[in-house]
């Protein structure tokens, strides 16, 4: 296991733990100005790190390109970040009451198109 992969695994564990702490210990009714940004930040970090690990596992299991480990990790980190940006955007739209199924499709389609544009 490379050092970067170990660091991503450790950050996935810590960010998921922080998400669980925010979910179970922080009340959005008593202090919404602190609880909502803490929730969104912990969701962003958790989805980015876990998504990066899942994308890395996907690209190593089903190799489409002949990339080395460094390139695979770089691509999977970028894809995890785009996935977490889309997820946080969906949560913000849901909090604002603007969310519908086609908005979700459009937000994730933008993330996919950004990834395709960067990868091309």
PDB file of N, CA and C in Angstrom:
ATOM      1  N   UNK A   1       0.850  -1.171   0.000  1.00  0.00           N
ATOM      2  CA  UNK A   1       0.000   0.000   0.000  1.00  0.00           C
ATOM      3  C   UNK A   1       0.902   1.243   0.000  1.00  0.00           C
ATOM      4  N   UNK A   2       0.628   2.148  -0.915  1.00  0.00           N
ATOM      5  CA  UNK A   2       1.451   3.340  -1.000  1.00  0.00           C
ATOM      6  C   UNK A   2       1.112   4.305   0.130  1.00  0.00           C
ATOM      7  N   UNK A   3       1.976   5.278   0.359  1.00  0.00           N
ATOM      8  CA  UNK A   3       1.760   6.252   1.429  1.00  0.00           C
ATOM      9  C   UNK A   3       0.521   7.092   1.172  1.00  0.00           C
ATOM     10  N   UNK A   4       0.303   7.479  -0.083  1.00  0.00           N
ATOM     11  CA  UNK A   4      -0.865   8.289  -0.406  1.00  0.00           C
ATOM     12  C   UNK A   4      -2.150   7.500  -0.208  1.00  0.00           C
ATOM     13  N   UNK A   5      -2.144   6.249  -0.588  1.00  0.00           N
ATOM     14  CA  UNK A   5      -3.329   5.408  -0.394  1.00  0.00           C
ATOM     15  C   UNK A   5      -3.604   5.189   1.090  1.00  0.00           C
ATOM     16  N   UNK A   6      -2.547   5.019   1.881  1.00  0.00           N
ATOM     17  CA  UNK A   6      -2.721   4.904   3.327  1.00  0.00           C
ATOM     18  C   UNK A   6      -3.273   6.196   3.915  1.00  0.00           C
ATOM     19  N   UNK A   7      -2.801   7.340   3.433  1.00  0.00           N
ATOM     20  CA  UNK A   7      -3.306   8.627   3.897  1.00  0.00           C
ATOM     21  C   UNK A   7      -4.769   8.831   3.547  1.00  0.00           C
ATOM     22  N   UNK A   8      -5.167   8.414   2.352  1.00  0.00           N
ATOM     23  CA  UNK A   8      -6.570   8.528   1.956  1.00  0.00           C
ATOM     24  C   UNK A   8      -7.429   7.608   2.808  1.00  0.00           C
ATOM     25  N   UNK A   9      -6.936   6.406   3.090  1.00  0.00           N
ATOM     26  CA  UNK A   9      -7.693   5.474   3.942  1.00  0.00           C
ATOM     27  C   UNK A   9      -7.857   6.025   5.354  1.00  0.00           C
ATOM     28  N   UNK A  10      -6.788   6.624   5.881  1.00  0.00           N
ATOM     29  CA  UNK A  10      -6.860   7.223   7.212  1.00  0.00           C
ATOM     30  C   UNK A  10      -7.812   8.415   7.223  1.00  0.00           C
ATOM     31  N   UNK A  11      -7.756   9.241   6.181  1.00  0.00           N
ATOM     32  CA  UNK A  11      -8.673  10.384   6.127  1.00  0.00           C
ATOM     33  C   UNK A  11     -10.113   9.935   5.945  1.00  0.00           C
ATOM     34  N   UNK A  12     -10.339   8.829   5.247  1.00  0.00           N
ATOM     35  CA  UNK A  12     -11.690   8.296   5.120  1.00  0.00           C
ATOM     36  C   UNK A  12     -12.227   7.851   6.476  1.00  0.00           C
ATOM     37  N   UNK A  13     -11.384   7.203   7.253  1.00  0.00           N
ATOM     38  CA  UNK A  13     -11.791   6.774   8.589  1.00  0.00           C
ATOM     39  C   UNK A  13     -12.084   7.970   9.496  1.00  0.00           C
ATOM     40  N   UNK A  14     -11.194   8.960   9.483  1.00  0.00           N
ATOM     41  CA  UNK A  14     -11.380  10.131  10.346  1.00  0.00           C
ATOM     42  C   UNK A  14     -12.557  10.995   9.908  1.00  0.00           C
ATOM     43  N   UNK A  15     -12.731  11.173   8.597  1.00  0.00           N
ATOM     44  CA  UNK A  15     -13.835  12.014   8.141  1.00  0.00           C
ATOM     45  C   UNK A  15     -15.184  11.335   8.350  1.00  0.00           C
ATOM     46  N   UNK A  16     -15.241  10.028   8.206  1.00  0.00           N
ATOM     47  CA  UNK A  16     -16.494   9.321   8.490  1.00  0.00           C
ATOM     48  C   UNK A  16     -16.810   9.371   9.977  1.00  0.00           C
ATOM     49  N   UNK A  17     -15.783   9.276  10.803  1.00  0.00           N
ATOM     50  CA  UNK A  17     -15.984   9.419  12.245  1.00  0.00           C
ATOM     51  C   UNK A  17     -16.478  10.815  12.596  1.00  0.00           C
ATOM     52  N   UNK A  18     -15.904  11.844  11.956  1.00  0.00           N
ATOM     53  CA  UNK A  18     -16.361  13.214  12.231  1.00  0.00           C
ATOM     54  C   UNK A  18     -17.788  13.417  11.744  1.00  0.00           C
ATOM     55  N   UNK A  19     -18.154  12.787  10.637  1.00  0.00           N
ATOM     56  CA  UNK A  19     -19.549  12.868  10.170  1.00  0.00           C
ATOM     57  C   UNK A  19     -20.499  12.238  11.179  1.00  0.00           C
ATOM     58  N   UNK A  20     -20.109  11.093  11.724  1.00  0.00           N
ATOM     59  CA  UNK A  20     -20.964  10.453  12.729  1.00  0.00           C
ATOM     60  C   UNK A  20     -21.055  11.290  13.999  1.00  0.00           C
ATOM     61  N   UNK A  21     -19.969  11.923  14.397  1.00  0.00           N
ATOM     62  CA  UNK A  21     -20.001  12.795  15.580  1.00  0.00           C
ATOM     63  C   UNK A  21     -20.925  13.980  15.337  1.00  0.00           C
ATOM     64  N   UNK A  22     -20.842  14.576  14.160  1.00  0.00           N
ATOM     65  CA  UNK A  22     -21.714  15.716  13.845  1.00  0.00           C
ATOM     66  C   UNK A  22     -23.170  15.265  13.797  1.00  0.00           C
ATOM     67  N   UNK A  23     -23.422  14.110  13.234  1.00  0.00           N
ATOM     68  CA  UNK A  23     -24.805  13.632  13.137  1.00  0.00           C
ATOM     69  C   UNK A  23     -25.415  13.321  14.493  1.00  0.00           C
ATOM     70  N   UNK A  24     -24.625  12.720  15.383  1.00  0.00           N
ATOM     71  CA  UNK A  24     -25.184  12.264  16.655  1.00  0.00           C
ATOM     72  C   UNK A  24     -25.021  13.256  17.807  1.00  0.00           C
ATOM     73  N   UNK A  25     -24.084  14.181  17.736  1.00  0.00           N
ATOM     74  CA  UNK A  25     -23.796  15.039  18.882  1.00  0.00           C
ATOM     75  C   UNK A  25     -24.132  16.517  18.695  1.00  0.00           C
ATOM     76  N   UNK A  26     -24.264  16.987  17.458  1.00  0.00           N
ATOM     77  CA  UNK A  26     -24.491  18.410  17.224  1.00  0.00           C
ATOM     78  C   UNK A  26     -25.962  18.623  16.898  1.00  0.00           C
ATOM     79  N   UNK A  27     -26.586  19.551  17.605  1.00  0.00           N
ATOM     80  CA  UNK A  27     -27.997  19.842  17.385  1.00  0.00           C
ATOM     81  C   UNK A  27     -28.150  21.051  16.466  1.00  0.00           C
ATOM     82  N   UNK A  28     -28.820  20.877  15.326  1.00  0.00           N
ATOM     83  CA  UNK A  28     -29.023  22.024  14.447  1.00  0.00           C
ATOM     84  C   UNK A  28     -30.067  23.004  14.986  1.00  0.00           C
ATOM     85  N   UNK A  29     -30.836  22.603  15.983  1.00  0.00           N
ATOM     86  CA  UNK A  29     -31.846  23.495  16.555  1.00  0.00           C
ATOM     87  C   UNK A  29     -31.236  24.474  17.543  1.00  0.00           C
ATOM     88  N   UNK A  30     -30.221  24.042  18.280  1.00  0.00           N
ATOM     89  CA  UNK A  30     -29.632  24.936  19.278  1.00  0.00           C
ATOM     90  C   UNK A  30     -28.608  25.897  18.676  1.00  0.00           C
ATOM     91  N   UNK A  31     -27.849  25.446  17.676  1.00  0.00           N
ATOM     92  CA  UNK A  31     -26.860  26.329  17.046  1.00  0.00           C
ATOM     93  C   UNK A  31     -26.771  26.022  15.549  1.00  0.00           C
ATOM     94  N   UNK A  32     -27.729  26.510  14.761  1.00  0.00           N
ATOM     95  CA  UNK A  32     -27.710  26.188  13.330  1.00  0.00           C
ATOM     96  C   UNK A  32     -26.568  26.851  12.566  1.00  0.00           C
ATOM     97  N   UNK A  33     -26.050  27.967  13.083  1.00  0.00           N
ATOM     98  CA  UNK A  33     -24.958  28.633  12.371  1.00  0.00           C
ATOM     99  C   UNK A  33     -23.660  27.833  12.442  1.00  0.00           C
ATOM    100  N   UNK A  34     -23.539  26.930  13.401  1.00  0.00           N
ATOM    101  CA  UNK A  34     -22.356  26.078  13.509  1.00  0.00           C
ATOM    102  C   UNK A  34     -22.635  24.659  13.031  1.00  0.00           C
ATOM    103  N   UNK A  35     -23.855  24.191  13.207  1.00  0.00           N
ATOM    104  CA  UNK A  35     -24.158  22.795  12.907  1.00  0.00           C
ATOM    105  C   UNK A  35     -24.236  22.528  11.407  1.00  0.00           C
ATOM    106  N   UNK A  36     -24.858  23.418  10.658  1.00  0.00           N
ATOM    107  CA  UNK A  36     -25.036  23.168   9.231  1.00  0.00           C
ATOM    108  C   UNK A  36     -23.713  23.226   8.469  1.00  0.00           C
ATOM    109  N   UNK A  37     -22.846  24.238   8.689  1.00  0.00           N
ATOM    110  CA  UNK A  37     -21.540  24.181   8.007  1.00  0.00           C
ATOM    111  C   UNK A  37     -20.673  22.998   8.444  1.00  0.00           C
ATOM    112  N   UNK A  38     -20.752  22.619   9.712  1.00  0.00           N
ATOM    113  CA  UNK A  38     -19.992  21.450  10.172  1.00  0.00           C
ATOM    114  C   UNK A  38     -20.497  20.183   9.499  1.00  0.00           C
ATOM    115  N   UNK A  39     -21.813  20.065   9.339  1.00  0.00           N
ATOM    116  CA  UNK A  39     -22.393  18.913   8.661  1.00  0.00           C
ATOM    117  C   UNK A  39     -21.971  18.874   7.195  1.00  0.00           C
ATOM    118  N   UNK A  40     -22.064  20.009   6.506  1.00  0.00           N
ATOM    119  CA  UNK A  40     -21.711  20.039   5.089  1.00  0.00           C
ATOM    120  C   UNK A  40     -20.221  19.767   4.878  1.00  0.00           C
ATOM    121  N   UNK A  41     -19.384  20.310   5.739  1.00  0.00           N
ATOM    122  CA  UNK A  41     -17.945  20.071   5.624  1.00  0.00           C
ATOM    123  C   UNK A  41     -17.599  18.607   5.888  1.00  0.00           C
ATOM    124  N   UNK A  42     -18.228  18.020   6.897  1.00  0.00           N
ATOM    125  CA  UNK A  42     -17.925  16.616   7.190  1.00  0.00           C
ATOM    126  C   UNK A  42     -18.474  15.691   6.104  1.00  0.00           C
ATOM    127  N   UNK A  43     -19.625  16.038   5.508  1.00  0.00           N
ATOM    128  CA  UNK A  43     -20.127  15.248   4.378  1.00  0.00           C
ATOM    129  C   UNK A  43     -19.172  15.374   3.190  1.00  0.00           C
ATOM    130  N   UNK A  44     -18.697  16.591   2.919  1.00  0.00           N
ATOM    131  CA  UNK A  44     -17.768  16.805   1.817  1.00  0.00           C
ATOM    132  C   UNK A  44     -16.506  15.962   1.994  1.00  0.00           C
ATOM    133  N   UNK A  45     -15.899  16.023   3.176  1.00  0.00           N
ATOM    134  CA  UNK A  45     -14.662  15.275   3.415  1.00  0.00           C
ATOM    135  C   UNK A  45     -14.891  13.769   3.378  1.00  0.00           C
ATOM    136  N   UNK A  46     -16.003  13.331   3.944  1.00  0.00           N
ATOM    137  CA  UNK A  46     -16.283  11.909   3.994  1.00  0.00           C
ATOM    138  C   UNK A  46     -16.554  11.344   2.600  1.00  0.00           C
ATOM    139  N   UNK A  47     -17.379  12.027   1.827  1.00  0.00           N
ATOM    140  CA  UNK A  47     -17.697  11.541   0.481  1.00  0.00           C
ATOM    141  C   UNK A  47     -16.464  11.615  -0.418  1.00  0.00           C
ATOM    142  N   UNK A  48     -15.652  12.659  -0.267  1.00  0.00           N
ATOM    143  CA  UNK A  48     -14.447  12.784  -1.097  1.00  0.00           C
ATOM    144  C   UNK A  48     -13.461  11.658  -0.821  1.00  0.00           C
ATOM    145  N   UNK A  49     -13.212  11.364   0.444  1.00  0.00           N
ATOM    146  CA  UNK A  49     -12.216  10.338   0.760  1.00  0.00           C
ATOM    147  C   UNK A  49     -12.734   8.925   0.473  1.00  0.00           C
ATOM    148  N   UNK A  50     -13.968   8.641   0.851  1.00  0.00           N
ATOM    149  CA  UNK A  50     -14.515   7.310   0.581  1.00  0.00           C
ATOM    150  C   UNK A  50     -14.732   7.130  -0.926  1.00  0.00           C
ATOM    151  N   UNK A  51     -15.194   8.173  -1.597  1.00  0.00           N
ATOM    152  CA  UNK A  51     -15.361   8.099  -3.046  1.00  0.00           C
ATOM    153  C   UNK A  51     -14.042   7.896  -3.766  1.00  0.00           C
ATOM    154  N   UNK A  52     -12.991   8.546  -3.293  1.00  0.00           N
ATOM    155  CA  UNK A  52     -11.668   8.353  -3.899  1.00  0.00           C
ATOM    156  C   UNK A  52     -11.203   6.909  -3.747  1.00  0.00           C
ATOM    157  N   UNK A  53     -11.416   6.343  -2.584  1.00  0.00           N
ATOM    158  CA  UNK A  53     -11.041   4.939  -2.387  1.00  0.00           C
ATOM    159  C   UNK A  53     -11.864   4.007  -3.268  1.00  0.00           C
ATOM    160  N   UNK A  54     -13.162   4.285  -3.385  1.00  0.00           N
ATOM    161  CA  UNK A  54     -14.006   3.441  -4.224  1.00  0.00           C
ATOM    162  C   UNK A  54     -13.646   3.569  -5.702  1.00  0.00           C
ATOM    163  N   UNK A  55     -13.374   4.785  -6.151  1.00  0.00           N
ATOM    164  CA  UNK A  55     -12.961   4.959  -7.544  1.00  0.00           C
ATOM    165  C   UNK A  55     -11.603   4.303  -7.809  1.00  0.00           C
ATOM    166  N   UNK A  56     -10.693   4.377  -6.848  1.00  0.00           N
ATOM    167  CA  UNK A  56      -9.399   3.706  -7.019  1.00  0.00           C
ATOM    168  C   UNK A  56      -9.591   2.191  -7.112  1.00  0.00           C
ATOM    169  N   UNK A  57     -10.449   1.647  -6.258  1.00  0.00           N
ATOM    170  CA  UNK A  57     -10.720   0.207  -6.318  1.00  0.00           C
ATOM    171  C   UNK A  57     -11.386  -0.172  -7.641  1.00  0.00           C
ATOM    172  N   UNK A  58     -12.266   0.695  -8.124  1.00  0.00           N
ATOM    173  CA  UNK A  58     -12.937   0.437  -9.393  1.00  0.00           C
ATOM    174  C   UNK A  58     -11.951   0.446 -10.553  1.00  0.00           C
ATOM    175  N   UNK A  59     -11.044   1.449 -10.564  1.00  0.00           N
ATOM    176  CA  UNK A  59     -10.094   1.545 -11.677  1.00  0.00           C
ATOM    177  C   UNK A  59      -9.006   0.478 -11.613  1.00  0.00           C
ATOM    178  N   UNK A  60      -8.709  -0.040 -10.426  1.00  0.00           N
ATOM    179  CA  UNK A  60      -7.741  -1.139 -10.369  1.00  0.00           C
ATOM    180  C   UNK A  60      -8.403  -2.478 -10.691  1.00  0.00           C
ATOM    181  N   UNK A  61      -9.689  -2.618 -10.385  1.00  0.00           N
ATOM    182  CA  UNK A  61     -10.405  -3.862 -10.691  1.00  0.00           C
ATOM    183  C   UNK A  61     -10.725  -3.963 -12.176  1.00  0.00           C
ATOM    184  N   UNK A  62     -11.163  -2.844 -12.767  1.00  0.00           N
ATOM    185  CA  UNK A  62     -11.501  -2.804 -14.190  1.00  0.00           C
ATOM    186  C   UNK A  62     -10.614  -1.773 -14.893  1.00  0.00           C
ATOM    187  N   UNK A  63      -9.409  -2.150 -15.260  1.00  0.00           N
ATOM    188  CA  UNK A  63      -8.499  -1.167 -15.870  1.00  0.00           C
ATOM    189  C   UNK A  63      -8.919  -0.836 -17.300  1.00  0.00           C
ATOM    190  N   UNK A  64      -9.257   0.418 -17.527  1.00  0.00           N
ATOM    191  CA  UNK A  64      -9.620   0.881 -18.858  1.00  0.00           C
ATOM    192  C   UNK A  64      -8.381   1.424 -19.570  1.00  0.00           C
ATOM    193  N   UNK A  65      -7.531   2.120 -18.811  1.00  0.00           N
ATOM    194  CA  UNK A  65      -6.309   2.696 -19.351  1.00  0.00           C
ATOM    195  C   UNK A  65      -5.104   1.973 -18.755  1.00  0.00           C
ATOM    196  N   UNK A  66      -3.962   2.150 -19.342  1.00  0.00           N
ATOM    197  CA  UNK A  66      -2.724   1.559 -18.818  1.00  0.00           C
ATOM    198  C   UNK A  66      -1.968   2.601 -18.006  1.00  0.00           C
ATOM    199  N   UNK A  67      -2.600   3.059 -16.940  1.00  0.00           N
ATOM    200  CA  UNK A  67      -2.014   4.083 -16.086  1.00  0.00           C
ATOM    201  C   UNK A  67      -1.275   3.427 -14.932  1.00  0.00           C
ATOM    202  N   UNK A  68      -0.290   4.148 -14.409  1.00  0.00           N
ATOM    203  CA  UNK A  68       0.404   3.659 -13.230  1.00  0.00           C
ATOM    204  C   UNK A  68      -0.390   4.048 -11.976  1.00  0.00           C
ATOM    205  N   UNK A  69       0.128   3.663 -10.831  1.00  0.00           N
ATOM    206  CA  UNK A  69      -0.596   3.881  -9.575  1.00  0.00           C
ATOM    207  C   UNK A  69      -0.777   5.363  -9.266  1.00  0.00           C
ATOM    208  N   UNK A  70       0.228   6.164  -9.558  1.00  0.00           N
ATOM    209  CA  UNK A  70       0.123   7.604  -9.296  1.00  0.00           C
ATOM    210  C   UNK A  70      -0.970   8.256 -10.109  1.00  0.00           C
ATOM    211  N   UNK A  71      -1.062   7.919 -11.376  1.00  0.00           N
ATOM    212  CA  UNK A  71      -2.106   8.482 -12.233  1.00  0.00           C
ATOM    213  C   UNK A  71      -3.486   7.988 -11.802  1.00  0.00           C
ATOM    214  N   UNK A  72      -3.581   6.715 -11.416  1.00  0.00           N
ATOM    215  CA  UNK A  72      -4.861   6.180 -10.935  1.00  0.00           C
ATOM    216  C   UNK A  72      -5.323   6.903  -9.671  1.00  0.00           C
ATOM    217  N   UNK A  73      -4.396   7.146  -8.752  1.00  0.00           N
ATOM    218  CA  UNK A  73      -4.745   7.857  -7.526  1.00  0.00           C
ATOM    219  C   UNK A  73      -5.146   9.301  -7.812  1.00  0.00           C
ATOM    220  N   UNK A  74      -4.440   9.950  -8.731  1.00  0.00           N
ATOM    221  CA  UNK A  74      -4.776  11.329  -9.084  1.00  0.00           C
ATOM    222  C   UNK A  74      -6.170  11.421  -9.681  1.00  0.00           C
ATOM    223  N   UNK A  75      -6.475  10.522 -10.588  1.00  0.00           N
ATOM    224  CA  UNK A  75      -7.793  10.521 -11.224  1.00  0.00           C
ATOM    225  C   UNK A  75      -8.883  10.181 -10.211  1.00  0.00           C
ATOM    226  N   UNK A  76      -8.628   9.216  -9.348  1.00  0.00           N
ATOM    227  CA  UNK A  76      -9.650   8.829  -8.372  1.00  0.00           C
ATOM    228  C   UNK A  76      -9.873   9.915  -7.324  1.00  0.00           C
ATOM    229  N   UNK A  77      -8.845  10.650  -6.943  1.00  0.00           N
ATOM    230  CA  UNK A  77      -9.019  11.761  -6.007  1.00  0.00           C
ATOM    231  C   UNK A  77      -9.852  12.866  -6.657  1.00  0.00           C
ATOM    232  N   UNK A  78      -9.560  13.164  -7.927  1.00  0.00           N
ATOM    233  CA  UNK A  78     -10.337  14.178  -8.636  1.00  0.00           C
ATOM    234  C   UNK A  78     -11.795  13.751  -8.770  1.00  0.00           C
ATOM    235  N   UNK A  79     -12.042  12.498  -9.067  1.00  0.00           N
ATOM    236  CA  UNK A  79     -13.406  12.016  -9.197  1.00  0.00           C
ATOM    237  C   UNK A  79     -14.131  12.006  -7.851  1.00  0.00           C
ATOM    238  N   UNK A  80     -13.409  11.687  -6.794  1.00  0.00           N
ATOM    239  CA  UNK A  80     -14.011  11.743  -5.458  1.00  0.00           C
ATOM    240  C   UNK A  80     -14.375  13.162  -5.065  1.00  0.00           C
ATOM    241  N   UNK A  81     -13.515  14.120  -5.422  1.00  0.00           N
ATOM    242  CA  UNK A  81     -13.811  15.528  -5.128  1.00  0.00           C
ATOM    243  C   UNK A  81     -15.034  15.996  -5.912  1.00  0.00           C
ATOM    244  N   UNK A  82     -15.131  15.628  -7.181  1.00  0.00           N
ATOM    245  CA  UNK A  82     -16.298  16.021  -7.975  1.00  0.00           C
ATOM    246  C   UNK A  82     -17.574  15.373  -7.443  1.00  0.00           C
ATOM    247  N   UNK A  83     -17.468  14.129  -7.007  1.00  0.00           N
ATOM    248  CA  UNK A  83     -18.624  13.462  -6.411  1.00  0.00           C
ATOM    249  C   UNK A  83     -19.060  14.160  -5.131  1.00  0.00           C
ATOM    250  N   UNK A  84     -18.104  14.576  -4.314  1.00  0.00           N
ATOM    251  CA  UNK A  84     -18.463  15.247  -3.059  1.00  0.00           C
ATOM    252  C   UNK A  84     -18.997  16.653  -3.315  1.00  0.00           C
ATOM    253  N   UNK A  85     -18.486  17.356  -4.319  1.00  0.00           N
ATOM    254  CA  UNK A  85     -19.046  18.670  -4.667  1.00  0.00           C
ATOM    255  C   UNK A  85     -20.488  18.517  -5.116  1.00  0.00           C
ATOM    256  N   UNK A  86     -20.757  17.511  -5.936  1.00  0.00           N
ATOM    257  CA  UNK A  86     -22.134  17.256  -6.362  1.00  0.00           C
ATOM    258  C   UNK A  86     -23.042  16.885  -5.202  1.00  0.00           C
ATOM    259  N   UNK A  87     -22.546  16.081  -4.283  1.00  0.00           N
ATOM    260  CA  UNK A  87     -23.350  15.667  -3.129  1.00  0.00           C
ATOM    261  C   UNK A  87     -23.660  16.840  -2.213  1.00  0.00           C
ATOM    262  N   UNK A  88     -22.674  17.691  -1.953  1.00  0.00           N
ATOM    263  CA  UNK A  88     -22.912  18.866  -1.109  1.00  0.00           C
ATOM    264  C   UNK A  88     -23.868  19.831  -1.809  1.00  0.00           C
ATOM    265  N   UNK A  89     -23.749  19.978  -3.127  1.00  0.00           N
ATOM    266  CA  UNK A  89     -24.677  20.831  -3.869  1.00  0.00           C
ATOM    267  C   UNK A  89     -26.107  20.293  -3.781  1.00  0.00           C
ATOM    268  N   UNK A  90     -26.254  18.974  -3.857  1.00  0.00           N
ATOM    269  CA  UNK A  90     -27.590  18.371  -3.710  1.00  0.00           C
ATOM    270  C   UNK A  90     -28.141  18.638  -2.311  1.00  0.00           C
ATOM    271  N   UNK A  91     -27.305  18.519  -1.287  1.00  0.00           N
ATOM    272  CA  UNK A  91     -27.757  18.784   0.082  1.00  0.00           C
ATOM    273  C   UNK A  91     -28.141  20.249   0.272  1.00  0.00           C
ATOM    274  N   UNK A  92     -27.368  21.169  -0.305  1.00  0.00           N
ATOM    275  CA  UNK A  92     -27.698  22.595  -0.186  1.00  0.00           C
ATOM    276  C   UNK A  92     -29.007  22.903  -0.905  1.00  0.00           C
ATOM    277  N   UNK A  93     -29.185  22.353  -2.103  1.00  0.00           N
ATOM    278  CA  UNK A  93     -30.440  22.562  -2.809  1.00  0.00           C
ATOM    279  C   UNK A  93     -31.617  21.970  -2.033  1.00  0.00           C
ATOM    280  N   UNK A  94     -31.396  20.832  -1.368  1.00  0.00           N
ATOM    281  CA  UNK A  94     -32.446  20.239  -0.536  1.00  0.00           C
ATOM    282  C   UNK A  94     -32.780  21.099   0.665  1.00  0.00           C
ATOM    283  N   UNK A  95     -31.778  21.715   1.281  1.00  0.00           N
ATOM    284  CA  UNK A  95     -32.032  22.596   2.421  1.00  0.00           C
ATOM    285  C   UNK A  95     -32.775  23.860   2.007  1.00  0.00           C
ATOM    286  N   UNK A  96     -32.517  24.313   0.792  1.00  0.00           N
ATOM    287  CA  UNK A  96     -33.192  25.514   0.299  1.00  0.00           C
ATOM    288  C   UNK A  96     -34.572  25.221  -0.277  1.00  0.00           C
ATOM    289  N   UNK A  97     -34.921  23.948  -0.394  1.00  0.00           N
ATOM    290  CA  UNK A  97     -36.222  23.569  -0.918  1.00  0.00           C
ATOM    291  C   UNK A  97     -36.310  23.647  -2.437  1.00  0.00           C
ATOM    292  N   UNK A  98     -35.188  23.569  -3.123  1.00  0.00           N
ATOM    293  CA  UNK A  98     -35.153  23.688  -4.575  1.00  0.00           C
ATOM    294  C   UNK A  98     -34.853  22.364  -5.268  1.00  0.00           C
ATOM    295  N   UNK A  99     -34.927  21.275  -4.541  1.00  0.00           N
ATOM    296  CA  UNK A  99     -34.452  19.998  -5.063  1.00  0.00           C
ATOM    297  C   UNK A  99     -35.575  19.214  -5.718  1.00  0.00           C
ATOM    298  N   UNK A 100     -35.317  18.722  -6.888  1.00  0.00           N
ATOM    299  CA  UNK A 100     -36.182  17.754  -7.552  1.00  0.00           C
ATOM    300  C   UNK A 100     -35.289  16.757  -8.275  1.00  0.00           C
ATOM    301  N   UNK A 101     -35.865  15.740  -8.843  1.00  0.00           N
ATOM    302  CA  UNK A 101     -35.062  14.672  -9.429  1.00  0.00           C
ATOM    303  C   UNK A 101     -34.235  15.168 -10.605  1.00  0.00           C
ATOM    304  N   UNK A 102     -34.765  16.087 -11.397  1.00  0.00           N
ATOM    305  CA  UNK A 102     -34.023  16.558 -12.551  1.00  0.00           C
ATOM    306  C   UNK A 102     -32.891  17.499 -12.151  1.00  0.00           C
ATOM    307  N   UNK A 103     -33.026  18.193 -11.013  1.00  0.00           N
ATOM    308  CA  UNK A 103     -31.923  19.016 -10.519  1.00  0.00           C
ATOM    309  C   UNK A 103     -30.764  18.117 -10.085  1.00  0.00           C
ATOM    310  N   UNK A 104     -31.090  16.995  -9.452  1.00  0.00           N
ATOM    311  CA  UNK A 104     -30.052  16.034  -9.063  1.00  0.00           C
ATOM    312  C   UNK A 104     -29.335  15.508 -10.302  1.00  0.00           C
ATOM    313  N   UNK A 105     -30.114  15.150 -11.325  1.00  0.00           N
ATOM    314  CA  UNK A 105     -29.503  14.666 -12.560  1.00  0.00           C
ATOM    315  C   UNK A 105     -28.608  15.724 -13.201  1.00  0.00           C
ATOM    316  N   UNK A 106     -29.057  16.974 -13.210  1.00  0.00           N
ATOM    317  CA  UNK A 106     -28.269  18.044 -13.803  1.00  0.00           C
ATOM    318  C   UNK A 106     -26.976  18.307 -13.024  1.00  0.00           C
ATOM    319  N   UNK A 107     -27.054  18.282 -11.693  1.00  0.00           N
ATOM    320  CA  UNK A 107     -25.855  18.529 -10.887  1.00  0.00           C
ATOM    321  C   UNK A 107     -24.801  17.443 -11.102  1.00  0.00           C
ATOM    322  N   UNK A 108     -25.235  16.191 -11.088  1.00  0.00           N
ATOM    323  CA  UNK A 108     -24.269  15.119 -11.307  1.00  0.00           C
ATOM    324  C   UNK A 108     -23.821  15.051 -12.770  1.00  0.00           C
ATOM    325  N   UNK A 109     -24.681  15.457 -13.705  1.00  0.00           N
ATOM    326  CA  UNK A 109     -24.274  15.509 -15.119  1.00  0.00           C
ATOM    327  C   UNK A 109     -23.183  16.558 -15.322  1.00  0.00           C
ATOM    328  N   UNK A 110     -23.282  17.684 -14.620  1.00  0.00           N
ATOM    329  CA  UNK A 110     -22.239  18.705 -14.699  1.00  0.00           C
ATOM    330  C   UNK A 110     -20.927  18.142 -14.175  1.00  0.00           C
ATOM    331  N   UNK A 111     -20.978  17.417 -13.072  1.00  0.00           N
ATOM    332  CA  UNK A 111     -19.746  16.815 -12.521  1.00  0.00           C
ATOM    333  C   UNK A 111     -19.149  15.798 -13.495  1.00  0.00           C
ATOM    334  N   UNK A 112     -19.989  14.998 -14.128  1.00  0.00           N
ATOM    335  CA  UNK A 112     -19.497  14.013 -15.095  1.00  0.00           C
ATOM    336  C   UNK A 112     -18.900  14.717 -16.312  1.00  0.00           C
ATOM    337  N   UNK A 113     -19.555  15.773 -16.778  1.00  0.00           N
ATOM    338  CA  UNK A 113     -19.034  16.500 -17.934  1.00  0.00           C
ATOM    339  C   UNK A 113     -17.715  17.207 -17.621  1.00  0.00           C
ATOM    340  N   UNK A 114     -17.572  17.705 -16.411  1.00  0.00           N
ATOM    341  CA  UNK A 114     -16.289  18.301 -16.009  1.00  0.00           C
ATOM    342  C   UNK A 114     -15.199  17.242 -16.027  1.00  0.00           C
ATOM    343  N   UNK A 115     -15.495  16.066 -15.504  1.00  0.00           N
ATOM    344  CA  UNK A 115     -14.510  14.989 -15.501  1.00  0.00           C
ATOM    345  C   UNK A 115     -14.161  14.562 -16.933  1.00  0.00           C
ATOM    346  N   UNK A 116     -15.155  14.489 -17.803  1.00  0.00           N
ATOM    347  CA  UNK A 116     -14.875  14.133 -19.190  1.00  0.00           C
ATOM    348  C   UNK A 116     -14.041  15.199 -19.885  1.00  0.00           C
ATOM    349  N   UNK A 117     -14.291  16.459 -19.578  1.00  0.00           N
ATOM    350  CA  UNK A 117     -13.519  17.534 -20.197  1.00  0.00           C
ATOM    351  C   UNK A 117     -12.070  17.528 -19.703  1.00  0.00           C
ATOM    352  N   UNK A 118     -11.869  17.234 -18.427  1.00  0.00           N
ATOM    353  CA  UNK A 118     -10.508  17.194 -17.884  1.00  0.00           C
ATOM    354  C   UNK A 118      -9.766  15.967 -18.421  1.00  0.00           C
ATOM    355  N   UNK A 119     -10.465  14.861 -18.538  1.00  0.00           N
ATOM    356  CA  UNK A 119      -9.849  13.603 -18.951  1.00  0.00           C
ATOM    357  C   UNK A 119      -9.563  13.540 -20.449  1.00  0.00           C
ATOM    358  N   UNK A 120     -10.236  14.358 -21.243  1.00  0.00           N
ATOM    359  CA  UNK A 120     -10.076  14.300 -22.712  1.00  0.00           C
ATOM    360  C   UNK A 120      -8.774  14.890 -23.171  1.00  0.00           C
TER     361      UNK A 120
END
